[in-house]
Amino acid sequence: MNLQLKGKTAFISGSTSGIGFATAKTLIKEGVNVVINGRTLEGVNDAIQKLKNEFVEASVKGIPADFSRQEEIESLIKKLPDLDILINNVGIYKSGSFFETSDEDWYDQFEINVMSGVRLSRYCLPKMLDNNWGRILFISSECATLVPEDLIPYSMTKTAMLSISKGLANLTKGTNVTVNSVLPGSTLSEGAEIFLKDAALKEKKTIQEVEEEFFSDIRTSSLIQRFANVDEVANTIAYFASPLSSATNGAAIKVDGGSMGGLL
């Protein structure tokens, strides 16, 4: 499908691996000028090289920035080109007991997961409104409503994204700018692959057995009973970043394999 994205310019935070990197690849295939981001220059350069190896004609650049550091965020914003598409994807999580999670851990996750999108949107949205076209997407998570007991601070940040996204969408009324959230379910990113391998080694099981037990014992609400792959999520993100999604605004779009349940 032609998503009518050729020539558009997109910035994806946290895009040197995982869903962000897969989204960069999908957008490049559609002819988008992509700006990727990671914490270090080395990581950004490695990701750019991988993309150029796969897509020789790719228009891809990178800006390193650690979203926990105010000065690096300010530097990144100054380097951004005029954007048609902003994808707020960067995020961290720390698994642990609520009772042992420090204030610093709460603040760190809020600063990176939530305030990164706030700051980038505050910069980009006025320009998009002036141009009367733009797409802003917040990459949330099934944890926004499932709230696993070991991921309460992380889940809080993902729920916050939904409120921010909805509020910003209200600011676009009567324009061709849209703001939406995408909520992936359990996704087989590099981090998930490491988790499965470590668990398999520790429990002396196969990776397939660990995955099956995850869905039979932990993520029991999943209807597909498997991890989504990053391309499945990236395809959805690319569509809602495109002109074809013009009638969708202020929405929370599930790519969760049915895990979140509900009629809406």
Protein backbone atom coordinates (compact mmCIF):
# COMPACT_ATOMS: atom_id res chain seq x y z
CA MET A 1 0.00 0.00 0.00
CA ASN A 2 1.20 3.51 -0.81
CA LEU A 3 0.85 5.47 2.42
CA GLN A 4 1.41 8.80 0.59
CA LEU A 5 4.37 9.57 2.81
CA LYS A 6 7.06 10.16 0.21
CA GLY A 7 9.03 13.32 0.98
CA LYS A 8 7.69 13.71 4.52
CA THR A 9 10.18 14.19 7.37
CA ALA A 10 9.90 12.24 10.61
CA PHE A 11 11.73 12.21 13.93
CA ILE A 12 11.56 9.08 16.09
CA SER A 13 12.90 9.28 19.64
CA GLY A 14 14.57 6.15 20.98
CA SER A 15 14.94 4.56 17.57
CA THR A 16 18.28 2.76 17.46
CA SER A 17 16.59 -0.55 18.31
CA GLY A 18 13.25 -2.21 18.95
CA ILE A 19 9.96 -0.70 17.83
CA GLY A 20 11.59 2.65 17.05
CA PHE A 21 14.14 1.11 14.71
CA ALA A 22 11.52 -1.04 13.00
CA THR A 23 9.40 2.08 12.52
CA ALA A 24 12.35 3.89 10.96
CA LYS A 25 12.73 1.04 8.46
CA THR A 26 9.03 1.03 7.61
CA LEU A 27 8.97 4.80 7.05
CA ILE A 28 12.12 4.68 4.93
CA LYS A 29 10.44 2.12 2.69
CA GLU A 30 7.65 4.66 2.20
CA GLY A 31 10.09 7.37 1.11
CA VAL A 32 10.19 9.31 4.38
CA ASN A 33 13.22 11.38 5.38
CA VAL A 34 13.92 9.86 8.79
CA VAL A 35 15.81 11.32 11.74
CA ILE A 36 16.61 8.69 14.36
CA ASN A 37 17.75 9.13 17.94
CA GLY A 38 19.63 7.26 20.62
CA ARG A 39 21.55 8.09 23.77
CA THR A 40 25.03 7.92 22.24
CA LEU A 41 26.64 9.03 18.99
CA GLU A 42 28.09 5.54 18.54
CA GLY A 43 24.69 3.91 18.85
CA VAL A 44 23.11 6.38 16.44
CA ASN A 45 25.88 5.94 13.86
CA ASP A 46 25.62 2.13 14.08
CA ALA A 47 21.87 2.29 13.51
CA ILE A 48 22.27 4.67 10.57
CA GLN A 49 24.79 2.33 8.98
CA LYS A 50 22.44 -0.64 9.35
CA LEU A 51 19.65 1.31 7.71
CA LYS A 52 21.86 2.45 4.84
CA ASN A 53 23.15 -1.08 4.33
CA GLU A 54 19.57 -2.27 3.90
CA PHE A 55 18.25 0.79 2.07
CA VAL A 56 21.00 2.23 -0.10
CA GLU A 57 18.97 5.27 -1.13
CA ALA A 58 17.67 5.95 2.38
CA SER A 59 17.44 9.53 3.56
CA VAL A 60 18.35 9.02 7.19
CA LYS A 61 20.14 11.15 9.75
CA GLY A 62 20.58 10.90 13.49
CA ILE A 63 20.75 13.11 16.55
CA PRO A 64 22.09 11.61 19.79
CA ALA A 65 20.49 12.79 23.02
CA ASP A 66 19.95 11.40 26.48
CA PHE A 67 16.44 12.45 27.47
CA SER A 68 17.40 12.42 31.16
CA ARG A 69 19.69 15.40 30.53
CA GLN A 70 18.06 18.78 30.00
CA GLU A 71 21.01 20.26 28.12
CA GLU A 72 21.04 17.39 25.62
CA ILE A 73 17.31 17.78 24.99
CA GLU A 74 17.75 21.49 24.30
CA SER A 75 20.61 20.72 21.93
CA LEU A 76 18.55 18.10 20.09
CA ILE A 77 15.61 20.45 19.60
CA LYS A 78 17.90 23.08 18.07
CA LYS A 79 19.13 20.51 15.55
CA LEU A 80 15.71 19.23 14.47
CA PRO A 81 14.61 20.00 10.92
CA ASP A 82 11.02 21.05 10.21
CA LEU A 83 9.01 17.91 10.92
CA ASP A 84 5.85 16.49 9.42
CA ILE A 85 5.82 13.53 11.80
CA LEU A 86 6.88 13.23 15.44
CA ILE A 87 6.94 9.80 17.04
CA ASN A 88 7.45 9.91 20.81
CA ASN A 89 8.86 6.44 21.33
CA VAL A 90 11.76 6.74 23.81
CA GLY A 91 11.19 4.98 27.10
CA ILE A 92 12.80 3.17 30.01
CA TYR A 93 11.43 0.80 32.61
CA LYS A 94 12.59 -0.74 35.86
CA SER A 95 10.98 -3.91 37.11
CA GLY A 96 10.74 -4.19 40.87
CA SER A 97 8.69 -4.11 44.05
CA PHE A 98 6.54 -1.02 44.59
CA PHE A 99 7.76 -0.91 48.18
CA GLU A 100 11.40 -0.83 47.15
CA THR A 101 11.10 1.61 44.23
CA SER A 102 12.78 4.90 45.10
CA ASP A 103 11.52 8.39 44.33
CA GLU A 104 14.44 8.72 41.95
CA ASP A 105 13.27 5.69 39.95
CA TRP A 106 9.78 7.21 39.68
CA TYR A 107 11.16 10.57 38.55
CA ASP A 108 13.61 9.02 36.07
CA GLN A 109 10.87 7.11 34.27
CA PHE A 110 8.53 10.11 34.26
CA GLU A 111 11.26 12.43 32.99
CA ILE A 112 12.25 10.20 30.06
CA ASN A 113 8.98 8.51 29.14
CA VAL A 114 6.61 11.44 29.61
CA MET A 115 8.50 14.72 29.55
CA SER A 116 10.41 13.78 26.39
CA GLY A 117 7.12 13.74 24.50
CA VAL A 118 5.90 16.89 26.21
CA ARG A 119 9.01 18.86 25.27
CA LEU A 120 9.19 17.60 21.70
CA SER A 121 5.47 18.17 21.12
CA ARG A 122 5.66 21.67 22.60
CA TYR A 123 8.29 22.45 19.98
CA CYS A 124 6.73 20.66 17.00
CA LEU A 125 2.99 21.16 17.38
CA PRO A 126 2.89 24.95 16.78
CA LYS A 127 4.86 24.50 13.55
CA MET A 128 2.53 21.73 12.40
CA LEU A 129 -0.50 23.91 13.15
CA ASP A 130 1.04 26.75 11.15
CA ASN A 131 1.57 24.36 8.23
CA ASN A 132 -1.90 22.84 8.72
CA TRP A 133 -0.50 19.31 8.52
CA GLY A 134 1.27 17.01 10.89
CA ARG A 135 1.21 13.78 12.82
CA ILE A 136 2.23 13.27 16.44
CA LEU A 137 2.19 9.75 17.88
CA PHE A 138 2.85 8.71 21.45
CA ILE A 139 3.98 5.10 21.79
CA SER A 140 2.29 3.95 24.98
CA SER A 141 1.80 0.33 26.09
CA GLU A 142 -0.72 -2.27 27.18
CA CYS A 143 0.68 -1.55 30.65
CA ALA A 144 -1.26 1.73 30.58
CA THR A 145 -4.30 -0.26 31.72
CA LEU A 146 -2.96 -3.69 32.70
CA VAL A 147 -0.50 -2.19 35.26
CA PRO A 148 1.65 -5.20 36.21
CA GLU A 149 2.53 -5.09 39.90
CA ASP A 150 6.28 -4.98 39.18
CA LEU A 151 5.90 -2.13 36.64
CA ILE A 152 3.73 0.41 38.46
CA PRO A 153 5.92 3.50 37.77
CA TYR A 154 6.36 2.51 34.12
CA SER A 155 2.64 1.88 33.74
CA MET A 156 1.91 5.30 35.24
CA THR A 157 4.02 6.94 32.53
CA LYS A 158 2.24 5.03 29.79
CA THR A 159 -1.16 6.07 31.14
CA ALA A 160 0.02 9.69 31.32
CA MET A 161 0.83 9.56 27.62
CA LEU A 162 -2.82 8.88 26.84
CA SER A 163 -3.97 12.02 28.64
CA ILE A 164 -1.32 14.18 27.00
CA SER A 165 -2.07 12.80 23.57
CA LYS A 166 -5.81 13.39 23.98
CA GLY A 167 -5.25 16.90 25.27
CA LEU A 168 -2.95 17.83 22.41
CA ALA A 169 -5.44 16.38 19.92
CA ASN A 170 -8.02 18.81 21.29
CA LEU A 171 -5.67 21.66 20.32
CA THR A 172 -5.74 20.55 16.66
CA LYS A 173 -9.49 20.98 16.18
CA GLY A 174 -10.40 21.96 12.62
CA THR A 175 -6.90 21.37 11.25
CA ASN A 176 -5.11 18.62 9.32
CA VAL A 177 -2.90 17.85 12.31
CA THR A 178 -3.62 14.73 14.37
CA VAL A 179 -2.31 13.42 17.66
CA ASN A 180 -2.84 9.79 18.64
CA SER A 181 -1.43 7.12 20.93
CA VAL A 182 -0.41 3.62 19.92
CA LEU A 183 -0.52 0.92 22.59
CA PRO A 184 1.62 -2.12 21.74
CA GLY A 185 1.19 -5.34 23.65
CA SER A 186 4.02 -7.70 24.55
CA THR A 187 6.44 -7.27 21.66
CA LEU A 188 9.48 -9.30 20.72
CA SER A 189 12.04 -6.52 20.84
CA GLU A 190 15.70 -7.09 21.62
CA GLY A 191 14.92 -6.68 25.30
CA ALA A 192 12.21 -9.31 25.19
CA GLU A 193 14.52 -11.70 23.37
CA ILE A 194 17.14 -11.28 26.10
CA PHE A 195 14.46 -11.86 28.76
CA LEU A 196 13.36 -15.09 27.07
CA LYS A 197 16.91 -16.37 26.64
CA ASP A 198 17.88 -15.58 30.25
CA ALA A 199 14.71 -17.16 31.61
CA ALA A 200 15.20 -20.26 29.47
CA LEU A 201 18.77 -20.65 30.71
CA LYS A 202 17.81 -20.08 34.33
CA GLU A 203 14.82 -22.41 34.26
CA LYS A 204 16.48 -24.98 31.98
CA LYS A 205 13.71 -24.72 29.42
CA THR A 206 13.47 -23.89 25.76
CA ILE A 207 12.72 -20.34 24.68
CA GLN A 208 9.43 -21.58 23.21
CA GLU A 209 8.45 -23.11 26.55
CA VAL A 210 9.21 -19.86 28.38
CA GLU A 211 7.16 -17.86 25.87
CA GLU A 212 4.21 -20.25 26.13
CA GLU A 213 4.30 -20.09 29.94
CA PHE A 214 4.45 -16.29 29.86
CA PHE A 215 1.13 -16.18 28.06
CA SER A 216 -0.48 -19.08 29.90
CA ASP A 217 0.55 -17.86 33.38
CA ILE A 218 1.20 -14.09 33.18
CA ARG A 219 -0.28 -12.38 30.12
CA THR A 220 -3.34 -14.61 30.21
CA SER A 221 -5.60 -11.95 28.66
CA SER A 222 -3.75 -12.03 25.33
CA LEU A 223 -5.92 -13.35 22.55
CA ILE A 224 -3.10 -14.08 20.12
CA GLN A 225 -1.09 -15.85 22.86
CA ARG A 226 2.26 -14.80 21.42
CA PHE A 227 4.60 -11.85 21.23
CA ALA A 228 3.92 -9.41 18.44
CA ASN A 229 6.93 -8.77 16.25
CA VAL A 230 8.28 -5.24 15.94
CA ASP A 231 7.25 -4.98 12.28
CA GLU A 232 3.60 -5.60 13.16
CA VAL A 233 3.70 -2.64 15.53
CA ALA A 234 5.73 -0.49 13.12
CA ASN A 235 3.22 -1.06 10.31
CA THR A 236 0.44 0.31 12.50
CA ILE A 237 2.53 3.32 13.52
CA ALA A 238 3.37 4.07 9.88
CA TYR A 239 -0.29 4.03 8.87
CA PHE A 240 -1.31 6.47 11.60
CA ALA A 241 1.63 8.68 10.66
CA SER A 242 0.28 8.88 7.12
CA PRO A 243 -2.28 11.05 5.32
CA LEU A 244 -4.49 7.96 4.98
CA SER A 245 -5.30 8.14 8.71
CA SER A 246 -6.76 11.65 8.48
CA ALA A 247 -10.07 10.75 10.16
CA THR A 248 -8.39 9.41 13.32
CA ASN A 249 -7.53 11.99 15.98
CA GLY A 250 -7.37 11.81 19.75
CA ALA A 251 -7.48 8.03 19.66
CA ALA A 252 -5.76 5.29 21.65
CA ILE A 253 -4.93 2.63 19.08
CA LYS A 254 -4.35 -0.89 20.41
CA VAL A 255 -1.78 -3.22 18.89
CA ASP A 256 -2.01 -5.46 21.92
CA GLY A 257 -3.16 -8.80 20.59
CA GLY A 258 -6.37 -8.35 22.55
CA SER A 259 -4.65 -8.31 25.94
CA MET A 260 -6.30 -5.10 27.16
CA GLY A 261 -9.84 -6.36 26.59
CA GLY A 262 -12.89 -4.11 26.55
CA LEU A 263 -15.23 -3.05 23.77
CA LEU A 264 -13.25 0.14 23.04
